[in-house]
Amino acid sequence: MTFRSPVAAQLLGNDGVIRGKDALRAYWAEGLRRIPDLQIEAVGSYVGLDGLGVLP
């Protein structure tokens, strides 16, 4: 599993790619720690040949 995000690039100082469930769990845990009242609403999703995109 691979997750890509420009926010992840800023937060982690890397290319914004998170690989694996454990790394993704750690990423979201840190985000929620920094912004405990964060609310996300999915407004759309798109399926491609190699993945799925979700628009917040």
PDB file of N, CA and C in Angstrom:
ATOM      1  N   MET A   1       0.827  -1.169   0.000  1.00  0.00           N
ATOM      2  CA  MET A   1       0.000   0.000   0.000  1.00  0.00           C
ATOM      3  C   MET A   1       0.878   1.241   0.000  1.00  0.00           C
ATOM      4  N   THR A   2       0.514   2.211  -0.829  1.00  0.00           N
ATOM      5  CA  THR A   2       1.256   3.465  -0.928  1.00  0.00           C
ATOM      6  C   THR A   2       0.285   4.634  -0.824  1.00  0.00           C
ATOM      7  N   PHE A   3       0.679   5.632  -0.030  1.00  0.00           N
ATOM      8  CA  PHE A   3      -0.117   6.842   0.156  1.00  0.00           C
ATOM      9  C   PHE A   3       0.756   8.016  -0.237  1.00  0.00           C
ATOM     10  N   ARG A   4       0.221   8.909  -1.074  1.00  0.00           N
ATOM     11  CA  ARG A   4       0.976  10.088  -1.510  1.00  0.00           C
ATOM     12  C   ARG A   4       0.234  11.344  -1.075  1.00  0.00           C
ATOM     13  N   SER A   5       0.989  12.316  -0.571  1.00  0.00           N
ATOM     14  CA  SER A   5       0.367  13.559  -0.122  1.00  0.00           C
ATOM     15  C   SER A   5       1.399  14.677  -0.075  1.00  0.00           C
ATOM     16  N   PRO A   6       1.057  15.862  -0.589  1.00  0.00           N
ATOM     17  CA  PRO A   6       1.970  16.993  -0.450  1.00  0.00           C
ATOM     18  C   PRO A   6       2.135  17.418   1.014  1.00  0.00           C
ATOM     19  N   VAL A   7       1.116  17.177   1.817  1.00  0.00           N
ATOM     20  CA  VAL A   7       1.209  17.495   3.248  1.00  0.00           C
ATOM     21  C   VAL A   7       2.215  16.559   3.916  1.00  0.00           C
ATOM     22  N   ALA A   8       2.207  15.299   3.521  1.00  0.00           N
ATOM     23  CA  ALA A   8       3.177  14.343   4.069  1.00  0.00           C
ATOM     24  C   ALA A   8       4.596  14.784   3.740  1.00  0.00           C
ATOM     25  N   ALA A   9       4.791  15.319   2.550  1.00  0.00           N
ATOM     26  CA  ALA A   9       6.125  15.801   2.162  1.00  0.00           C
ATOM     27  C   ALA A   9       6.570  16.925   3.088  1.00  0.00           C
ATOM     28  N   GLN A  10       5.672  17.841   3.409  1.00  0.00           N
ATOM     29  CA  GLN A  10       6.006  18.951   4.304  1.00  0.00           C
ATOM     30  C   GLN A  10       6.248  18.456   5.725  1.00  0.00           C
ATOM     31  N   LEU A  11       5.386  17.572   6.196  1.00  0.00           N
ATOM     32  CA  LEU A  11       5.473  17.079   7.567  1.00  0.00           C
ATOM     33  C   LEU A  11       6.708  16.213   7.795  1.00  0.00           C
ATOM     34  N   LEU A  12       6.991  15.335   6.819  1.00  0.00           N
ATOM     35  CA  LEU A  12       8.049  14.353   6.993  1.00  0.00           C
ATOM     36  C   LEU A  12       9.365  14.756   6.337  1.00  0.00           C
ATOM     37  N   GLY A  13       9.314  15.794   5.498  1.00  0.00           N
ATOM     38  CA  GLY A  13      10.525  16.219   4.820  1.00  0.00           C
ATOM     39  C   GLY A  13      11.027  15.203   3.804  1.00  0.00           C
ATOM     40  N   ASN A  14      10.104  14.494   3.158  1.00  0.00           N
ATOM     41  CA  ASN A  14      10.513  13.521   2.146  1.00  0.00           C
ATOM     42  C   ASN A  14       9.726  13.785   0.863  1.00  0.00           C
ATOM     43  N   ASP A  15       9.578  12.781   0.035  1.00  0.00           N
ATOM     44  CA  ASP A  15       8.870  12.945  -1.233  1.00  0.00           C
ATOM     45  C   ASP A  15       7.357  12.870  -1.094  1.00  0.00           C
ATOM     46  N   GLY A  16       6.845  12.726   0.116  1.00  0.00           N
ATOM     47  CA  GLY A  16       5.411  12.675   0.342  1.00  0.00           C
ATOM     48  C   GLY A  16       4.796  11.313   0.134  1.00  0.00           C
ATOM     49  N   VAL A  17       5.632  10.288   0.016  1.00  0.00           N
ATOM     50  CA  VAL A  17       5.141   8.936  -0.192  1.00  0.00           C
ATOM     51  C   VAL A  17       5.287   8.150   1.108  1.00  0.00           C
ATOM     52  N   ILE A  18       4.180   7.540   1.532  1.00  0.00           N
ATOM     53  CA  ILE A  18       4.167   6.713   2.739  1.00  0.00           C
ATOM     54  C   ILE A  18       3.850   5.295   2.297  1.00  0.00           C
ATOM     55  N   ARG A  19       4.676   4.363   2.724  1.00  0.00           N
ATOM     56  CA  ARG A  19       4.517   2.974   2.298  1.00  0.00           C
ATOM     57  C   ARG A  19       4.205   2.074   3.483  1.00  0.00           C
ATOM     58  N   GLY A  20       3.122   1.323   3.356  1.00  0.00           N
ATOM     59  CA  GLY A  20       2.769   0.344   4.375  1.00  0.00           C
ATOM     60  C   GLY A  20       1.760   0.872   5.384  1.00  0.00           C
ATOM     61  N   LYS A  21       1.001  -0.056   5.935  1.00  0.00           N
ATOM     62  CA  LYS A  21      -0.051   0.297   6.890  1.00  0.00           C
ATOM     63  C   LYS A  21       0.503   0.908   8.166  1.00  0.00           C
ATOM     64  N   ASP A  22       1.607   0.375   8.662  1.00  0.00           N
ATOM     65  CA  ASP A  22       2.175   0.900   9.909  1.00  0.00           C
ATOM     66  C   ASP A  22       2.637   2.340   9.737  1.00  0.00           C
ATOM     67  N   ALA A  23       3.272   2.633   8.605  1.00  0.00           N
ATOM     68  CA  ALA A  23       3.739   4.000   8.345  1.00  0.00           C
ATOM     69  C   ALA A  23       2.557   4.951   8.165  1.00  0.00           C
ATOM     70  N   LEU A  24       1.499   4.490   7.504  1.00  0.00           N
ATOM     71  CA  LEU A  24       0.314   5.324   7.323  1.00  0.00           C
ATOM     72  C   LEU A  24      -0.374   5.589   8.657  1.00  0.00           C
ATOM     73  N   ARG A  25      -0.445   4.576   9.493  1.00  0.00           N
ATOM     74  CA  ARG A  25      -1.035   4.737  10.826  1.00  0.00           C
ATOM     75  C   ARG A  25      -0.240   5.760  11.635  1.00  0.00           C
ATOM     76  N   ALA A  26       1.076   5.692  11.570  1.00  0.00           N
ATOM     77  CA  ALA A  26       1.926   6.634  12.298  1.00  0.00           C
ATOM     78  C   ALA A  26       1.753   8.054  11.757  1.00  0.00           C
ATOM     79  N   TYR A  27       1.626   8.190  10.451  1.00  0.00           N
ATOM     80  CA  TYR A  27       1.427   9.503   9.828  1.00  0.00           C
ATOM     81  C   TYR A  27       0.133  10.146  10.335  1.00  0.00           C
ATOM     82  N   TRP A  28      -0.971   9.397  10.293  1.00  0.00           N
ATOM     83  CA  TRP A  28      -2.245   9.949  10.737  1.00  0.00           C
ATOM     84  C   TRP A  28      -2.255  10.190  12.246  1.00  0.00           C
ATOM     85  N   ALA A  29      -1.611   9.342  13.012  1.00  0.00           N
ATOM     86  CA  ALA A  29      -1.532   9.551  14.463  1.00  0.00           C
ATOM     87  C   ALA A  29      -0.807  10.858  14.766  1.00  0.00           C
ATOM     88  N   GLU A  30       0.273  11.141  14.042  1.00  0.00           N
ATOM     89  CA  GLU A  30       1.012  12.392  14.254  1.00  0.00           C
ATOM     90  C   GLU A  30       0.172  13.594  13.822  1.00  0.00           C
ATOM     91  N   GLY A  31      -0.529  13.462  12.704  1.00  0.00           N
ATOM     92  CA  GLY A  31      -1.397  14.545  12.255  1.00  0.00           C
ATOM     93  C   GLY A  31      -2.485  14.857  13.257  1.00  0.00           C
ATOM     94  N   LEU A  32      -3.106  13.825  13.806  1.00  0.00           N
ATOM     95  CA  LEU A  32      -4.157  14.030  14.807  1.00  0.00           C
ATOM     96  C   LEU A  32      -3.589  14.543  16.124  1.00  0.00           C
ATOM     97  N   ARG A  33      -2.357  14.183  16.426  1.00  0.00           N
ATOM     98  CA  ARG A  33      -1.719  14.719  17.626  1.00  0.00           C
ATOM     99  C   ARG A  33      -1.500  16.223  17.468  1.00  0.00           C
ATOM    100  N   ARG A  34      -1.080  16.638  16.289  1.00  0.00           N
ATOM    101  CA  ARG A  34      -0.805  18.055  16.029  1.00  0.00           C
ATOM    102  C   ARG A  34      -2.081  18.881  15.871  1.00  0.00           C
ATOM    103  N   ILE A  35      -3.121  18.265  15.303  1.00  0.00           N
ATOM    104  CA  ILE A  35      -4.388  18.961  15.072  1.00  0.00           C
ATOM    105  C   ILE A  35      -5.513  18.072  15.603  1.00  0.00           C
ATOM    106  N   PRO A  36      -5.715  18.051  16.920  1.00  0.00           N
ATOM    107  CA  PRO A  36      -6.660  17.103  17.521  1.00  0.00           C
ATOM    108  C   PRO A  36      -8.116  17.303  17.102  1.00  0.00           C
ATOM    109  N   ASP A  37      -8.495  18.493  16.666  1.00  0.00           N
ATOM    110  CA  ASP A  37      -9.879  18.722  16.263  1.00  0.00           C
ATOM    111  C   ASP A  37     -10.060  18.649  14.744  1.00  0.00           C
ATOM    112  N   LEU A  38      -9.119  18.034  14.065  1.00  0.00           N
ATOM    113  CA  LEU A  38      -9.168  17.883  12.617  1.00  0.00           C
ATOM    114  C   LEU A  38     -10.419  17.126  12.194  1.00  0.00           C
ATOM    115  N   GLN A  39     -11.093  17.657  11.192  1.00  0.00           N
ATOM    116  CA  GLN A  39     -12.270  16.990  10.633  1.00  0.00           C
ATOM    117  C   GLN A  39     -12.063  16.848   9.135  1.00  0.00           C
ATOM    118  N   ILE A  40     -12.358  15.675   8.613  1.00  0.00           N
ATOM    119  CA  ILE A  40     -12.185  15.400   7.194  1.00  0.00           C
ATOM    120  C   ILE A  40     -13.509  14.922   6.631  1.00  0.00           C
ATOM    121  N   GLU A  41     -13.874  15.487   5.504  1.00  0.00           N
ATOM    122  CA  GLU A  41     -15.092  15.067   4.818  1.00  0.00           C
ATOM    123  C   GLU A  41     -14.714  14.721   3.381  1.00  0.00           C
ATOM    124  N   ALA A  42     -14.918  13.486   3.004  1.00  0.00           N
ATOM    125  CA  ALA A  42     -14.643  13.067   1.631  1.00  0.00           C
ATOM    126  C   ALA A  42     -15.754  13.572   0.725  1.00  0.00           C
ATOM    127  N   VAL A  43     -15.384  14.281  -0.345  1.00  0.00           N
ATOM    128  CA  VAL A  43     -16.383  14.811  -1.271  1.00  0.00           C
ATOM    129  C   VAL A  43     -16.338  14.114  -2.626  1.00  0.00           C
ATOM    130  N   GLY A  44     -15.356  13.249  -2.816  1.00  0.00           N
ATOM    131  CA  GLY A  44     -15.285  12.524  -4.071  1.00  0.00           C
ATOM    132  C   GLY A  44     -14.181  11.497  -4.035  1.00  0.00           C
ATOM    133  N   SER A  45     -14.307  10.518  -4.893  1.00  0.00           N
ATOM    134  CA  SER A  45     -13.247   9.518  -5.019  1.00  0.00           C
ATOM    135  C   SER A  45     -13.141   9.104  -6.481  1.00  0.00           C
ATOM    136  N   TYR A  46     -11.948   8.775  -6.883  1.00  0.00           N
ATOM    137  CA  TYR A  46     -11.670   8.431  -8.267  1.00  0.00           C
ATOM    138  C   TYR A  46     -10.800   7.185  -8.314  1.00  0.00           C
ATOM    139  N   VAL A  47     -11.191   6.232  -9.140  1.00  0.00           N
ATOM    140  CA  VAL A  47     -10.441   4.989  -9.281  1.00  0.00           C
ATOM    141  C   VAL A  47      -9.666   5.057 -10.585  1.00  0.00           C
ATOM    142  N   GLY A  48      -8.378   4.743 -10.497  1.00  0.00           N
ATOM    143  CA  GLY A  48      -7.525   4.691 -11.674  1.00  0.00           C
ATOM    144  C   GLY A  48      -6.967   3.302 -11.861  1.00  0.00           C
ATOM    145  N   LEU A  49      -6.079   3.159 -12.809  1.00  0.00           N
ATOM    146  CA  LEU A  49      -5.486   1.857 -13.080  1.00  0.00           C
ATOM    147  C   LEU A  49      -4.642   1.344 -11.916  1.00  0.00           C
ATOM    148  N   ASP A  50      -3.948   2.279 -11.243  1.00  0.00           N
ATOM    149  CA  ASP A  50      -3.024   1.873 -10.187  1.00  0.00           C
ATOM    150  C   ASP A  50      -3.420   2.352  -8.809  1.00  0.00           C
ATOM    151  N   GLY A  51      -4.602   2.918  -8.655  1.00  0.00           N
ATOM    152  CA  GLY A  51      -4.914   3.406  -7.316  1.00  0.00           C
ATOM    153  C   GLY A  51      -6.274   4.052  -7.206  1.00  0.00           C
ATOM    154  N   LEU A  52      -6.459   4.695  -6.083  1.00  0.00           N
ATOM    155  CA  LEU A  52      -7.700   5.351  -5.718  1.00  0.00           C
ATOM    156  C   LEU A  52      -7.357   6.724  -5.174  1.00  0.00           C
ATOM    157  N   GLY A  53      -8.059   7.738  -5.614  1.00  0.00           N
ATOM    158  CA  GLY A  53      -7.849   9.082  -5.100  1.00  0.00           C
ATOM    159  C   GLY A  53      -9.073   9.543  -4.343  1.00  0.00           C
ATOM    160  N   VAL A  54      -8.862  10.209  -3.218  1.00  0.00           N
ATOM    161  CA  VAL A  54      -9.965  10.734  -2.418  1.00  0.00           C
ATOM    162  C   VAL A  54      -9.749  12.230  -2.270  1.00  0.00           C
ATOM    163  N   LEU A  55     -10.781  13.001  -2.571  1.00  0.00           N
ATOM    164  CA  LEU A  55     -10.688  14.454  -2.462  1.00  0.00           C
ATOM    165  C   LEU A  55     -11.363  14.917  -1.180  1.00  0.00           C
ATOM    166  N   PRO A  56     -10.596  15.555  -0.298  1.00  0.00           N
ATOM    167  CA  PRO A  56     -11.211  16.085   0.918  1.00  0.00           C
ATOM    168  C   PRO A  56     -11.850  17.425   0.653  1.00  0.00           C
TER     169      PRO A  56
END
